[in-house]
Amino acid sequence: MTNPIDIVHEILATALTVPVTTPALEAIPTMGSIPQDRPTRLVLVDLDGDASSEFLQRPRLALTCWGTTDREAHEIALSAVDALREAAMDHDLLSAVELESISSEQWSRTGQGRYLVLLTAYINTD
């Protein structure tokens, strides 16, 4: 079965101008963890749940988007959603993306921003 995180990572790494990573690539133990030595701009793609069937994968994904400011983190989050929606129009396996929420996560006293995007991806089984 196709790994949905790999599909989303590949799409976002190609479409965005910021680094995109996954827990497997960074050896991050849990969703939402702050990577050690992370860049100031980053998108972390992680699995948050799954409602898949035999014929269709429906993973719930979390995209944690960091930026140098709250505004920049929000723009990165919106760009990530737009890139996935656009990719769903002609991707071999990704057929749709359903946005659940985009929320600000205040976590830093340095003025940097972080947004969390929750979405469901619809991926045809191969």
PDB file of N, CA and C in Angstrom:
ATOM      1  N   MET A   1       0.842  -1.174   0.000  1.00  0.00           N
ATOM      2  CA  MET A   1       0.000   0.000   0.000  1.00  0.00           C
ATOM      3  C   MET A   1       0.892   1.244   0.000  1.00  0.00           C
ATOM      4  N   THR A   2       0.487   2.243  -0.703  1.00  0.00           N
ATOM      5  CA  THR A   2       1.230   3.489  -0.830  1.00  0.00           C
ATOM      6  C   THR A   2       1.248   4.241   0.496  1.00  0.00           C
ATOM      7  N   ASN A   3       2.392   4.817   0.833  1.00  0.00           N
ATOM      8  CA  ASN A   3       2.515   5.607   2.054  1.00  0.00           C
ATOM      9  C   ASN A   3       2.027   7.031   1.763  1.00  0.00           C
ATOM     10  N   PRO A   4       0.910   7.463   2.382  1.00  0.00           N
ATOM     11  CA  PRO A   4       0.367   8.789   2.086  1.00  0.00           C
ATOM     12  C   PRO A   4       1.314   9.923   2.494  1.00  0.00           C
ATOM     13  N   ILE A   5       2.077   9.726   3.532  1.00  0.00           N
ATOM     14  CA  ILE A   5       3.023  10.766   3.951  1.00  0.00           C
ATOM     15  C   ILE A   5       4.053  10.991   2.857  1.00  0.00           C
ATOM     16  N   ASP A   6       4.506   9.909   2.228  1.00  0.00           N
ATOM     17  CA  ASP A   6       5.482  10.049   1.147  1.00  0.00           C
ATOM     18  C   ASP A   6       4.906  10.824  -0.031  1.00  0.00           C
ATOM     19  N   ILE A   7       3.646  10.558  -0.370  1.00  0.00           N
ATOM     20  CA  ILE A   7       3.001  11.259  -1.488  1.00  0.00           C
ATOM     21  C   ILE A   7       2.901  12.745  -1.185  1.00  0.00           C
ATOM     22  N   VAL A   8       2.410  13.086  -0.004  1.00  0.00           N
ATOM     23  CA  VAL A   8       2.242  14.495   0.364  1.00  0.00           C
ATOM     24  C   VAL A   8       3.599  15.178   0.489  1.00  0.00           C
ATOM     25  N   HIS A   9       4.572  14.489   1.060  1.00  0.00           N
ATOM     26  CA  HIS A   9       5.915  15.060   1.177  1.00  0.00           C
ATOM     27  C   HIS A   9       6.476  15.396  -0.202  1.00  0.00           C
ATOM     28  N   GLU A  10       6.349  14.472  -1.135  1.00  0.00           N
ATOM     29  CA  GLU A  10       6.875  14.685  -2.483  1.00  0.00           C
ATOM     30  C   GLU A  10       6.205  15.888  -3.160  1.00  0.00           C
ATOM     31  N   ILE A  11       4.887  15.978  -3.039  1.00  0.00           N
ATOM     32  CA  ILE A  11       4.156  17.089  -3.653  1.00  0.00           C
ATOM     33  C   ILE A  11       4.599  18.419  -3.046  1.00  0.00           C
ATOM     34  N   LEU A  12       4.632  18.490  -1.725  1.00  0.00           N
ATOM     35  CA  LEU A  12       4.973  19.744  -1.069  1.00  0.00           C
ATOM     36  C   LEU A  12       6.438  20.128  -1.262  1.00  0.00           C
ATOM     37  N   ALA A  13       7.325  19.151  -1.243  1.00  0.00           N
ATOM     38  CA  ALA A  13       8.753  19.448  -1.436  1.00  0.00           C
ATOM     39  C   ALA A  13       9.010  20.038  -2.819  1.00  0.00           C
ATOM     40  N   THR A  14       8.208  19.627  -3.795  1.00  0.00           N
ATOM     41  CA  THR A  14       8.340  20.148  -5.152  1.00  0.00           C
ATOM     42  C   THR A  14       7.680  21.523  -5.290  1.00  0.00           C
ATOM     43  N   ALA A  15       6.537  21.715  -4.629  1.00  0.00           N
ATOM     44  CA  ALA A  15       5.735  22.916  -4.833  1.00  0.00           C
ATOM     45  C   ALA A  15       6.140  24.111  -3.963  1.00  0.00           C
ATOM     46  N   LEU A  16       6.668  23.853  -2.775  1.00  0.00           N
ATOM     47  CA  LEU A  16       6.953  24.947  -1.838  1.00  0.00           C
ATOM     48  C   LEU A  16       8.407  25.390  -1.903  1.00  0.00           C
ATOM     49  N   THR A  17       8.641  26.588  -1.444  1.00  0.00           N
ATOM     50  CA  THR A  17      10.012  27.132  -1.405  1.00  0.00           C
ATOM     51  C   THR A  17      10.628  27.000  -0.024  1.00  0.00           C
ATOM     52  N   VAL A  18       9.981  26.243   0.863  1.00  0.00           N
ATOM     53  CA  VAL A  18      10.510  26.008   2.208  1.00  0.00           C
ATOM     54  C   VAL A  18      10.817  24.522   2.356  1.00  0.00           C
ATOM     55  N   PRO A  19      11.715  24.154   3.274  1.00  0.00           N
ATOM     56  CA  PRO A  19      11.989  22.735   3.490  1.00  0.00           C
ATOM     57  C   PRO A  19      10.740  21.996   3.980  1.00  0.00           C
ATOM     58  N   VAL A  20      10.585  20.763   3.525  1.00  0.00           N
ATOM     59  CA  VAL A  20       9.470  19.902   3.931  1.00  0.00           C
ATOM     60  C   VAL A  20      10.076  18.608   4.448  1.00  0.00           C
ATOM     61  N   THR A  21       9.593  18.147   5.601  1.00  0.00           N
ATOM     62  CA  THR A  21      10.144  16.942   6.185  1.00  0.00           C
ATOM     63  C   THR A  21       9.034  16.098   6.797  1.00  0.00           C
ATOM     64  N   THR A  22       9.398  14.913   7.256  1.00  0.00           N
ATOM     65  CA  THR A  22       8.480  13.991   7.921  1.00  0.00           C
ATOM     66  C   THR A  22       9.165  13.446   9.165  1.00  0.00           C
ATOM     67  N   PRO A  23       8.403  12.857  10.085  1.00  0.00           N
ATOM     68  CA  PRO A  23       9.050  12.272  11.260  1.00  0.00           C
ATOM     69  C   PRO A  23      10.090  11.210  10.896  1.00  0.00           C
ATOM     70  N   ALA A  24       9.814  10.431   9.845  1.00  0.00           N
ATOM     71  CA  ALA A  24      10.763   9.388   9.444  1.00  0.00           C
ATOM     72  C   ALA A  24      12.086   9.988   8.982  1.00  0.00           C
ATOM     73  N   LEU A  25      12.018  11.111   8.270  1.00  0.00           N
ATOM     74  CA  LEU A  25      13.235  11.743   7.775  1.00  0.00           C
ATOM     75  C   LEU A  25      14.020  12.419   8.893  1.00  0.00           C
ATOM     76  N   GLU A  26      13.323  12.871   9.926  1.00  0.00           N
ATOM     77  CA  GLU A  26      13.959  13.604  11.007  1.00  0.00           C
ATOM     78  C   GLU A  26      14.081  12.784  12.289  1.00  0.00           C
ATOM     79  N   ALA A  27      13.567  11.571  12.289  1.00  0.00           N
ATOM     80  CA  ALA A  27      13.542  10.730  13.485  1.00  0.00           C
ATOM     81  C   ALA A  27      12.843  11.449  14.638  1.00  0.00           C
ATOM     82  N   ILE A  28      11.728  12.108  14.321  1.00  0.00           N
ATOM     83  CA  ILE A  28      10.942  12.807  15.334  1.00  0.00           C
ATOM     84  C   ILE A  28       9.925  11.817  15.886  1.00  0.00           C
ATOM     85  N   PRO A  29       9.867  11.630  17.201  1.00  0.00           N
ATOM     86  CA  PRO A  29       9.049  10.565  17.764  1.00  0.00           C
ATOM     87  C   PRO A  29       7.536  10.763  17.696  1.00  0.00           C
ATOM     88  N   THR A  30       7.017  11.993  17.770  1.00  0.00           N
ATOM     89  CA  THR A  30       5.572  12.170  17.817  1.00  0.00           C
ATOM     90  C   THR A  30       5.133  13.370  17.006  1.00  0.00           C
ATOM     91  N   MET A  31       3.851  13.365  16.618  1.00  0.00           N
ATOM     92  CA  MET A  31       3.309  14.477  15.850  1.00  0.00           C
ATOM     93  C   MET A  31       3.432  15.765  16.655  1.00  0.00           C
ATOM     94  N   GLY A  32       3.785  16.839  15.971  1.00  0.00           N
ATOM     95  CA  GLY A  32       3.851  18.134  16.610  1.00  0.00           C
ATOM     96  C   GLY A  32       5.132  18.413  17.362  1.00  0.00           C
ATOM     97  N   SER A  33       6.053  17.460  17.396  1.00  0.00           N
ATOM     98  CA  SER A  33       7.314  17.708  18.070  1.00  0.00           C
ATOM     99  C   SER A  33       8.089  18.788  17.338  1.00  0.00           C
ATOM    100  N   ILE A  34       8.865  19.536  18.065  1.00  0.00           N
ATOM    101  CA  ILE A  34       9.690  20.568  17.455  1.00  0.00           C
ATOM    102  C   ILE A  34      11.028  19.936  17.091  1.00  0.00           C
ATOM    103  N   PRO A  35      11.351  19.870  15.818  1.00  0.00           N
ATOM    104  CA  PRO A  35      12.614  19.245  15.418  1.00  0.00           C
ATOM    105  C   PRO A  35      13.812  19.990  15.993  1.00  0.00           C
ATOM    106  N   GLN A  36      14.811  19.251  16.399  1.00  0.00           N
ATOM    107  CA  GLN A  36      16.054  19.858  16.850  1.00  0.00           C
ATOM    108  C   GLN A  36      16.716  20.544  15.666  1.00  0.00           C
ATOM    109  N   ASP A  37      17.267  21.716  15.899  1.00  0.00           N
ATOM    110  CA  ASP A  37      17.993  22.457  14.864  1.00  0.00           C
ATOM    111  C   ASP A  37      17.153  22.663  13.608  1.00  0.00           C
ATOM    112  N   ARG A  38      15.881  22.889  13.763  1.00  0.00           N
ATOM    113  CA  ARG A  38      15.017  23.076  12.595  1.00  0.00           C
ATOM    114  C   ARG A  38      15.283  24.437  11.971  1.00  0.00           C
ATOM    115  N   PRO A  39      15.061  24.548  10.658  1.00  0.00           N
ATOM    116  CA  PRO A  39      15.151  25.861  10.018  1.00  0.00           C
ATOM    117  C   PRO A  39      14.032  26.762  10.538  1.00  0.00           C
ATOM    118  N   THR A  40      14.150  28.059  10.352  1.00  0.00           N
ATOM    119  CA  THR A  40      13.099  28.968  10.817  1.00  0.00           C
ATOM    120  C   THR A  40      11.830  28.845   9.987  1.00  0.00           C
ATOM    121  N   ARG A  41      11.933  28.328   8.759  1.00  0.00           N
ATOM    122  CA  ARG A  41      10.784  28.074   7.893  1.00  0.00           C
ATOM    123  C   ARG A  41      10.785  26.582   7.578  1.00  0.00           C
ATOM    124  N   LEU A  42       9.680  25.904   7.868  1.00  0.00           N
ATOM    125  CA  LEU A  42       9.642  24.448   7.717  1.00  0.00           C
ATOM    126  C   LEU A  42       8.204  23.965   7.690  1.00  0.00           C
ATOM    127  N   VAL A  43       7.965  22.874   6.943  1.00  0.00           N
ATOM    128  CA  VAL A  43       6.687  22.163   6.985  1.00  0.00           C
ATOM    129  C   VAL A  43       6.980  20.724   7.394  1.00  0.00           C
ATOM    130  N   LEU A  44       6.316  20.272   8.450  1.00  0.00           N
ATOM    131  CA  LEU A  44       6.429  18.895   8.933  1.00  0.00           C
ATOM    132  C   LEU A  44       5.131  18.174   8.598  1.00  0.00           C
ATOM    133  N   VAL A  45       5.220  17.094   7.824  1.00  0.00           N
ATOM    134  CA  VAL A  45       4.061  16.301   7.417  1.00  0.00           C
ATOM    135  C   VAL A  45       3.983  15.073   8.307  1.00  0.00           C
ATOM    136  N   ASP A  46       2.823  14.870   8.952  1.00  0.00           N
ATOM    137  CA  ASP A  46       2.684  13.730   9.857  1.00  0.00           C
ATOM    138  C   ASP A  46       1.284  13.137   9.746  1.00  0.00           C
ATOM    139  N   LEU A  47       1.160  11.860  10.068  1.00  0.00           N
ATOM    140  CA  LEU A  47      -0.126  11.166  10.063  1.00  0.00           C
ATOM    141  C   LEU A  47      -0.828  11.425  11.397  1.00  0.00           C
ATOM    142  N   ASP A  48      -2.113  11.820  11.330  1.00  0.00           N
ATOM    143  CA  ASP A  48      -2.870  12.127  12.541  1.00  0.00           C
ATOM    144  C   ASP A  48      -4.041  11.168  12.746  1.00  0.00           C
ATOM    145  N   GLY A  49      -4.330  10.345  11.770  1.00  0.00           N
ATOM    146  CA  GLY A  49      -5.430   9.392  11.871  1.00  0.00           C
ATOM    147  C   GLY A  49      -5.626   8.705  10.535  1.00  0.00           C
ATOM    148  N   ASP A  50      -6.549   7.749  10.475  1.00  0.00           N
ATOM    149  CA  ASP A  50      -6.739   7.015   9.226  1.00  0.00           C
ATOM    150  C   ASP A  50      -8.140   6.429   9.175  1.00  0.00           C
ATOM    151  N   ALA A  51      -8.810   6.638   8.052  1.00  0.00           N
ATOM    152  CA  ALA A  51     -10.140   6.070   7.811  1.00  0.00           C
ATOM    153  C   ALA A  51     -10.134   5.355   6.466  1.00  0.00           C
ATOM    154  N   SER A  52      -9.091   4.598   6.213  1.00  0.00           N
ATOM    155  CA  SER A  52      -8.924   3.941   4.919  1.00  0.00           C
ATOM    156  C   SER A  52      -9.802   2.710   4.780  1.00  0.00           C
ATOM    157  N   SER A  53     -10.044   2.355   3.513  1.00  0.00           N
ATOM    158  CA  SER A  53     -10.773   1.127   3.190  1.00  0.00           C
ATOM    159  C   SER A  53      -9.896   0.313   2.242  1.00  0.00           C
ATOM    160  N   GLU A  54     -10.442  -0.764   1.753  1.00  0.00           N
ATOM    161  CA  GLU A  54      -9.692  -1.633   0.848  1.00  0.00           C
ATOM    162  C   GLU A  54      -9.328  -0.924  -0.465  1.00  0.00           C
ATOM    163  N   PHE A  55     -10.177  -0.018  -0.896  1.00  0.00           N
ATOM    164  CA  PHE A  55      -9.990   0.605  -2.208  1.00  0.00           C
ATOM    165  C   PHE A  55      -9.524   2.056  -2.168  1.00  0.00           C
ATOM    166  N   LEU A  56      -9.606   2.682  -1.000  1.00  0.00           N
ATOM    167  CA  LEU A  56      -9.274   4.103  -0.894  1.00  0.00           C
ATOM    168  C   LEU A  56      -8.603   4.389   0.442  1.00  0.00           C
ATOM    169  N   GLN A  57      -7.439   5.027   0.365  1.00  0.00           N
ATOM    170  CA  GLN A  57      -6.794   5.470   1.589  1.00  0.00           C
ATOM    171  C   GLN A  57      -7.334   6.854   1.930  1.00  0.00           C
ATOM    172  N   ARG A  58      -7.697   7.053   3.206  1.00  0.00           N
ATOM    173  CA  ARG A  58      -8.187   8.345   3.660  1.00  0.00           C
ATOM    174  C   ARG A  58      -7.443   8.752   4.937  1.00  0.00           C
ATOM    175  N   PRO A  59      -6.161   9.059   4.807  1.00  0.00           N
ATOM    176  CA  PRO A  59      -5.411   9.452   5.990  1.00  0.00           C
ATOM    177  C   PRO A  59      -5.761  10.874   6.412  1.00  0.00           C
ATOM    178  N   ARG A  60      -5.787  11.098   7.710  1.00  0.00           N
ATOM    179  CA  ARG A  60      -5.895  12.463   8.250  1.00  0.00           C
ATOM    180  C   ARG A  60      -4.463  12.905   8.515  1.00  0.00           C
ATOM    181  N   LEU A  61      -4.068  13.985   7.874  1.00  0.00           N
ATOM    182  CA  LEU A  61      -2.690  14.450   7.960  1.00  0.00           C
ATOM    183  C   LEU A  61      -2.605  15.763   8.713  1.00  0.00           C
ATOM    184  N   ALA A  62      -1.506  15.937   9.412  1.00  0.00           N
ATOM    185  CA  ALA A  62      -1.208  17.188  10.101  1.00  0.00           C
ATOM    186  C   ALA A  62       0.019  17.806   9.447  1.00  0.00           C
ATOM    187  N   LEU A  63      -0.108  19.053   9.037  1.00  0.00           N
ATOM    188  CA  LEU A  63       1.013  19.809   8.507  1.00  0.00           C
ATOM    189  C   LEU A  63       1.335  20.895   9.522  1.00  0.00           C
ATOM    190  N   THR A  64       2.485  20.801  10.149  1.00  0.00           N
ATOM    191  CA  THR A  64       2.927  21.838  11.072  1.00  0.00           C
ATOM    192  C   THR A  64       3.830  22.767  10.280  1.00  0.00           C
ATOM    193  N   CYS A  65       3.438  24.031  10.207  1.00  0.00           N
ATOM    194  CA  CYS A  65       4.121  25.000   9.342  1.00  0.00           C
ATOM    195  C   CYS A  65       4.745  26.103  10.193  1.00  0.00           C
ATOM    196  N   TRP A  66       6.061  26.195  10.155  1.00  0.00           N
ATOM    197  CA  TRP A  66       6.775  27.228  10.887  1.00  0.00           C
ATOM    198  C   TRP A  66       7.172  28.350   9.940  1.00  0.00           C
ATOM    199  N   GLY A  67       7.197  29.574  10.449  1.00  0.00           N
ATOM    200  CA  GLY A  67       7.673  30.728   9.706  1.00  0.00           C
ATOM    201  C   GLY A  67       8.367  31.690  10.645  1.00  0.00           C
ATOM    202  N   THR A  68       9.053  32.661  10.070  1.00  0.00           N
ATOM    203  CA  THR A  68       9.772  33.629  10.895  1.00  0.00           C
ATOM    204  C   THR A  68       8.809  34.545  11.647  1.00  0.00           C
ATOM    205  N   THR A  69       7.587  34.686  11.126  1.00  0.00           N
ATOM    206  CA  THR A  69       6.526  35.451  11.784  1.00  0.00           C
ATOM    207  C   THR A  69       5.241  34.645  11.714  1.00  0.00           C
ATOM    208  N   ASP A  70       4.247  35.083  12.469  1.00  0.00           N
ATOM    209  CA  ASP A  70       2.947  34.425  12.421  1.00  0.00           C
ATOM    210  C   ASP A  70       2.348  34.537  11.018  1.00  0.00           C
ATOM    211  N   ARG A  71       2.475  35.691  10.410  1.00  0.00           N
ATOM    212  CA  ARG A  71       1.947  35.906   9.054  1.00  0.00           C
ATOM    213  C   ARG A  71       2.610  34.958   8.054  1.00  0.00           C
ATOM    214  N   GLU A  72       3.937  34.826   8.140  1.00  0.00           N
ATOM    215  CA  GLU A  72       4.638  33.955   7.203  1.00  0.00           C
ATOM    216  C   GLU A  72       4.239  32.496   7.412  1.00  0.00           C
ATOM    217  N   ALA A  73       4.102  32.058   8.653  1.00  0.00           N
ATOM    218  CA  ALA A  73       3.676  30.681   8.924  1.00  0.00           C
ATOM    219  C   ALA A  73       2.287  30.432   8.348  1.00  0.00           C
ATOM    220  N   HIS A  74       1.398  31.416   8.466  1.00  0.00           N
ATOM    221  CA  HIS A  74       0.052  31.297   7.904  1.00  0.00           C
ATOM    222  C   HIS A  74       0.104  31.200   6.383  1.00  0.00           C
ATOM    223  N   GLU A  75       0.945  32.014   5.753  1.00  0.00           N
ATOM    224  CA  GLU A  75       1.090  31.967   4.300  1.00  0.00           C
ATOM    225  C   GLU A  75       1.653  30.624   3.834  1.00  0.00           C
ATOM    226  N   ILE A  76       2.588  30.074   4.581  1.00  0.00           N
ATOM    227  CA  ILE A  76       3.142  28.754   4.243  1.00  0.00           C
ATOM    228  C   ILE A  76       2.043  27.701   4.342  1.00  0.00           C
ATOM    229  N   ALA A  77       1.230  27.776   5.392  1.00  0.00           N
ATOM    230  CA  ALA A  77       0.133  26.817   5.569  1.00  0.00           C
ATOM    231  C   ALA A  77      -0.852  26.891   4.409  1.00  0.00           C
ATOM    232  N   LEU A  78      -1.231  28.110   4.025  1.00  0.00           N
ATOM    233  CA  LEU A  78      -2.163  28.273   2.900  1.00  0.00           C
ATOM    234  C   LEU A  78      -1.550  27.783   1.591  1.00  0.00           C
ATOM    235  N   SER A  79      -0.265  28.051   1.392  1.00  0.00           N
ATOM    236  CA  SER A  79       0.421  27.581   0.179  1.00  0.00           C
ATOM    237  C   SER A  79       0.461  26.069   0.118  1.00  0.00           C
ATOM    238  N   ALA A  80       0.651  25.426   1.263  1.00  0.00           N
ATOM    239  CA  ALA A  80       0.686  23.964   1.305  1.00  0.00           C
ATOM    240  C   ALA A  80      -0.672  23.377   0.916  1.00  0.00           C
ATOM    241  N   VAL A  81      -1.737  23.933   1.454  1.00  0.00           N
ATOM    242  CA  VAL A  81      -3.082  23.464   1.114  1.00  0.00           C
ATOM    243  C   VAL A  81      -3.357  23.673  -0.374  1.00  0.00           C
ATOM    244  N   ASP A  82      -3.028  24.854  -0.877  1.00  0.00           N
ATOM    245  CA  ASP A  82      -3.236  25.137  -2.305  1.00  0.00           C
ATOM    246  C   ASP A  82      -2.450  24.163  -3.181  1.00  0.00           C
ATOM    247  N   ALA A  83      -1.202  23.879  -2.809  1.00  0.00           N
ATOM    248  CA  ALA A  83      -0.372  22.964  -3.601  1.00  0.00           C
ATOM    249  C   ALA A  83      -0.981  21.562  -3.636  1.00  0.00           C
ATOM    250  N   LEU A  84      -1.508  21.104  -2.512  1.00  0.00           N
ATOM    251  CA  LEU A  84      -2.119  19.771  -2.485  1.00  0.00           C
ATOM    252  C   LEU A  84      -3.411  19.725  -3.285  1.00  0.00           C
ATOM    253  N   ARG A  85      -4.210  20.771  -3.181  1.00  0.00           N
ATOM    254  CA  ARG A  85      -5.453  20.813  -3.973  1.00  0.00           C
ATOM    255  C   ARG A  85      -5.155  20.836  -5.465  1.00  0.00           C
ATOM    256  N   GLU A  86      -4.160  21.595  -5.849  1.00  0.00           N
ATOM    257  CA  GLU A  86      -3.789  21.656  -7.263  1.00  0.00           C
ATOM    258  C   GLU A  86      -3.247  20.307  -7.742  1.00  0.00           C
ATOM    259  N   ALA A  87      -2.423  19.673  -6.923  1.00  0.00           N
ATOM    260  CA  ALA A  87      -1.857  18.375  -7.297  1.00  0.00           C
ATOM    261  C   ALA A  87      -2.950  17.322  -7.457  1.00  0.00           C
ATOM    262  N   ALA A  88      -4.001  17.412  -6.656  1.00  0.00           N
ATOM    263  CA  ALA A  88      -5.081  16.417  -6.721  1.00  0.00           C
ATOM    264  C   ALA A  88      -5.796  16.419  -8.064  1.00  0.00           C
ATOM    265  N   MET A  89      -5.657  17.501  -8.831  1.00  0.00           N
ATOM    266  CA  MET A  89      -6.330  17.573 -10.130  1.00  0.00           C
ATOM    267  C   MET A  89      -5.705  16.655 -11.169  1.00  0.00           C
ATOM    268  N   ASP A  90      -4.400  16.343 -11.027  1.00  0.00           N
ATOM    269  CA  ASP A  90      -3.773  15.503 -12.052  1.00  0.00           C
ATOM    270  C   ASP A  90      -2.799  14.465 -11.514  1.00  0.00           C
ATOM    271  N   HIS A  91      -2.763  14.262 -10.212  1.00  0.00           N
ATOM    272  CA  HIS A  91      -1.863  13.273  -9.625  1.00  0.00           C
ATOM    273  C   HIS A  91      -2.403  11.865  -9.876  1.00  0.00           C
ATOM    274  N   ASP A  92      -1.514  10.908 -10.077  1.00  0.00           N
ATOM    275  CA  ASP A  92      -1.933   9.529 -10.347  1.00  0.00           C
ATOM    276  C   ASP A  92      -2.679   8.893  -9.179  1.00  0.00           C
ATOM    277  N   LEU A  93      -2.289   9.216  -7.938  1.00  0.00           N
ATOM    278  CA  LEU A  93      -2.897   8.563  -6.783  1.00  0.00           C
ATOM    279  C   LEU A  93      -3.719   9.495  -5.898  1.00  0.00           C
ATOM    280  N   LEU A  94      -3.294  10.726  -5.728  1.00  0.00           N
ATOM    281  CA  LEU A  94      -4.021  11.685  -4.897  1.00  0.00           C
ATOM    282  C   LEU A  94      -5.216  12.211  -5.687  1.00  0.00           C
ATOM    283  N   SER A  95      -6.438  11.940  -5.198  1.00  0.00           N
ATOM    284  CA  SER A  95      -7.611  12.361  -5.958  1.00  0.00           C
ATOM    285  C   SER A  95      -8.336  13.548  -5.341  1.00  0.00           C
ATOM    286  N   ALA A  96      -8.110  13.826  -4.052  1.00  0.00           N
ATOM    287  CA  ALA A  96      -8.763  14.975  -3.422  1.00  0.00           C
ATOM    288  C   ALA A  96      -8.100  15.267  -2.081  1.00  0.00           C
ATOM    289  N   VAL A  97      -8.301  16.507  -1.629  1.00  0.00           N
ATOM    290  CA  VAL A  97      -7.833  16.933  -0.314  1.00  0.00           C
ATOM    291  C   VAL A  97      -8.961  17.721   0.330  1.00  0.00           C
ATOM    292  N   GLU A  98      -9.324  17.347   1.544  1.00  0.00           N
ATOM    293  CA  GLU A  98     -10.397  18.013   2.268  1.00  0.00           C
ATOM    294  C   GLU A  98      -9.800  18.715   3.492  1.00  0.00           C
ATOM    295  N   LEU A  99      -9.841  20.027   3.502  1.00  0.00           N
ATOM    296  CA  LEU A  99      -9.299  20.801   4.609  1.00  0.00           C
ATOM    297  C   LEU A  99     -10.239  20.728   5.804  1.00  0.00           C
ATOM    298  N   GLU A 100      -9.686  20.393   6.960  1.00  0.00           N
ATOM    299  CA  GLU A 100     -10.477  20.376   8.189  1.00  0.00           C
ATOM    300  C   GLU A 100     -10.277  21.658   8.985  1.00  0.00           C
ATOM    301  N   SER A 101      -9.018  22.080   9.139  1.00  0.00           N
ATOM    302  CA  SER A 101      -8.778  23.305   9.894  1.00  0.00           C
ATOM    303  C   SER A 101      -7.369  23.830   9.663  1.00  0.00           C
ATOM    304  N   ILE A 102      -7.230  25.132   9.868  1.00  0.00           N
ATOM    305  CA  ILE A 102      -5.931  25.792   9.934  1.00  0.00           C
ATOM    306  C   ILE A 102      -5.971  26.625  11.207  1.00  0.00           C
ATOM    307  N   SER A 103      -5.036  26.366  12.112  1.00  0.00           N
ATOM    308  CA  SER A 103      -5.054  27.100  13.377  1.00  0.00           C
ATOM    309  C   SER A 103      -3.658  27.551  13.775  1.00  0.00           C
ATOM    310  N   SER A 104      -3.611  28.708  14.398  1.00  0.00           N
ATOM    311  CA  SER A 104      -2.360  29.267  14.890  1.00  0.00           C
ATOM    312  C   SER A 104      -1.979  28.565  16.177  1.00  0.00           C
ATOM    313  N   GLU A 105      -0.700  28.295  16.324  1.00  0.00           N
ATOM    314  CA  GLU A 105      -0.186  27.708  17.556  1.00  0.00           C
ATOM    315  C   GLU A 105       0.906  28.622  18.093  1.00  0.00           C
ATOM    316  N   GLN A 106       0.575  29.383  19.096  1.00  0.00           N
ATOM    317  CA  GLN A 106       1.556  30.278  19.710  1.00  0.00           C
ATOM    318  C   GLN A 106       2.457  29.443  20.611  1.00  0.00           C
ATOM    319  N   TRP A 107       3.725  29.449  20.291  1.00  0.00           N
ATOM    320  CA  TRP A 107       4.625  28.591  21.074  1.00  0.00           C
ATOM    321  C   TRP A 107       5.962  29.238  21.367  1.00  0.00           C
ATOM    322  N   SER A 108       6.285  30.334  20.746  1.00  0.00           N
ATOM    323  CA  SER A 108       7.624  30.871  20.859  1.00  0.00           C
ATOM    324  C   SER A 108       7.621  32.309  21.337  1.00  0.00           C
ATOM    325  N   ARG A 109       8.521  32.628  22.221  1.00  0.00           N
ATOM    326  CA  ARG A 109       8.687  34.010  22.674  1.00  0.00           C
ATOM    327  C   ARG A 109       9.542  34.813  21.707  1.00  0.00           C
ATOM    328  N   THR A 110      10.041  34.175  20.669  1.00  0.00           N
ATOM    329  CA  THR A 110      10.932  34.858  19.725  1.00  0.00           C
ATOM    330  C   THR A 110      10.170  35.580  18.634  1.00  0.00           C
ATOM    331  N   GLY A 111       8.867  35.458  18.600  1.00  0.00           N
ATOM    332  CA  GLY A 111       8.085  36.102  17.566  1.00  0.00           C
ATOM    333  C   GLY A 111       7.867  35.233  16.345  1.00  0.00           C
ATOM    334  N   GLN A 112       8.438  34.035  16.321  1.00  0.00           N
ATOM    335  CA  GLN A 112       8.211  33.130  15.206  1.00  0.00           C
ATOM    336  C   GLN A 112       6.791  32.579  15.288  1.00  0.00           C
ATOM    337  N   GLY A 113       6.269  32.144  14.142  1.00  0.00           N
ATOM    338  CA  GLY A 113       4.914  31.631  14.101  1.00  0.00           C
ATOM    339  C   GLY A 113       4.863  30.160  13.759  1.00  0.00           C
ATOM    340  N   ARG A 114       3.770  29.539  14.146  1.00  0.00           N
ATOM    341  CA  ARG A 114       3.544  28.135  13.803  1.00  0.00           C
ATOM    342  C   ARG A 114       2.049  27.940  13.589  1.00  0.00           C
ATOM    343  N   TYR A 115       1.714  27.311  12.468  1.00  0.00           N
ATOM    344  CA  TYR A 115       0.326  26.987  12.158  1.00  0.00           C
ATOM    345  C   TYR A 115       0.192  25.484  11.976  1.00  0.00           C
ATOM    346  N   LEU A 116      -0.953  24.956  12.392  1.00  0.00           N
ATOM    347  CA  LEU A 116      -1.256  23.541  12.220  1.00  0.00           C
ATOM    348  C   LEU A 116      -2.401  23.414  11.226  1.00  0.00           C
ATOM    349  N   VAL A 117      -2.179  22.618  10.184  1.00  0.00           N
ATOM    350  CA  VAL A 117      -3.194  22.322   9.176  1.00  0.00           C
ATOM    351  C   VAL A 117      -3.610  20.868   9.365  1.00  0.00           C
ATOM    352  N   LEU A 118      -4.897  20.620   9.481  1.00  0.00           N
ATOM    353  CA  LEU A 118      -5.415  19.258   9.518  1.00  0.00           C
ATOM    354  C   LEU A 118      -6.240  19.057   8.259  1.00  0.00           C
ATOM    355  N   LEU A 119      -5.958  17.959   7.561  1.00  0.00           N
ATOM    356  CA  LEU A 119      -6.686  17.675   6.321  1.00  0.00           C
ATOM    357  C   LEU A 119      -6.795  16.179   6.106  1.00  0.00           C
ATOM    358  N   THR A 120      -7.760  15.809   5.283  1.00  0.00           N
ATOM    359  CA  THR A 120      -7.913  14.418   4.864  1.00  0.00           C
ATOM    360  C   THR A 120      -7.529  14.338   3.390  1.00  0.00           C
ATOM    361  N   ALA A 121      -6.667  13.401   3.089  1.00  0.00           N
ATOM    362  CA  ALA A 121      -6.263  13.159   1.704  1.00  0.00           C
ATOM    363  C   ALA A 121      -6.981  11.901   1.214  1.00  0.00           C
ATOM    364  N   TYR A 122      -7.409  11.925  -0.023  1.00  0.00           N
ATOM    365  CA  TYR A 122      -8.061  10.769  -0.634  1.00  0.00           C
ATOM    366  C   TYR A 122      -7.091  10.202  -1.660  1.00  0.00           C
ATOM    367  N   ILE A 123      -6.613   9.006  -1.381  1.00  0.00           N
ATOM    368  CA  ILE A 123      -5.553   8.400  -2.199  1.00  0.00           C
ATOM    369  C   ILE A 123      -6.041   7.046  -2.714  1.00  0.00           C
ATOM    370  N   ASN A 124      -6.001   6.895  -4.017  1.00  0.00           N
ATOM    371  CA  ASN A 124      -6.387   5.614  -4.622  1.00  0.00           C
ATOM    372  C   ASN A 124      -5.334   4.568  -4.289  1.00  0.00           C
ATOM    373  N   THR A 125      -5.786   3.378  -3.947  1.00  0.00           N
ATOM    374  CA  THR A 125      -4.829   2.306  -3.694  1.00  0.00           C
ATOM    375  C   THR A 125      -4.227   1.859  -5.016  1.00  0.00           C
ATOM    376  N   ASP A 126      -2.961   1.473  -4.960  1.00  0.00           N
ATOM    377  CA  ASP A 126      -2.319   1.076  -6.234  1.00  0.00           C
ATOM    378  C   ASP A 126      -2.313  -0.411  -6.430  1.00  0.00           C
TER     379      ASP A 126
END
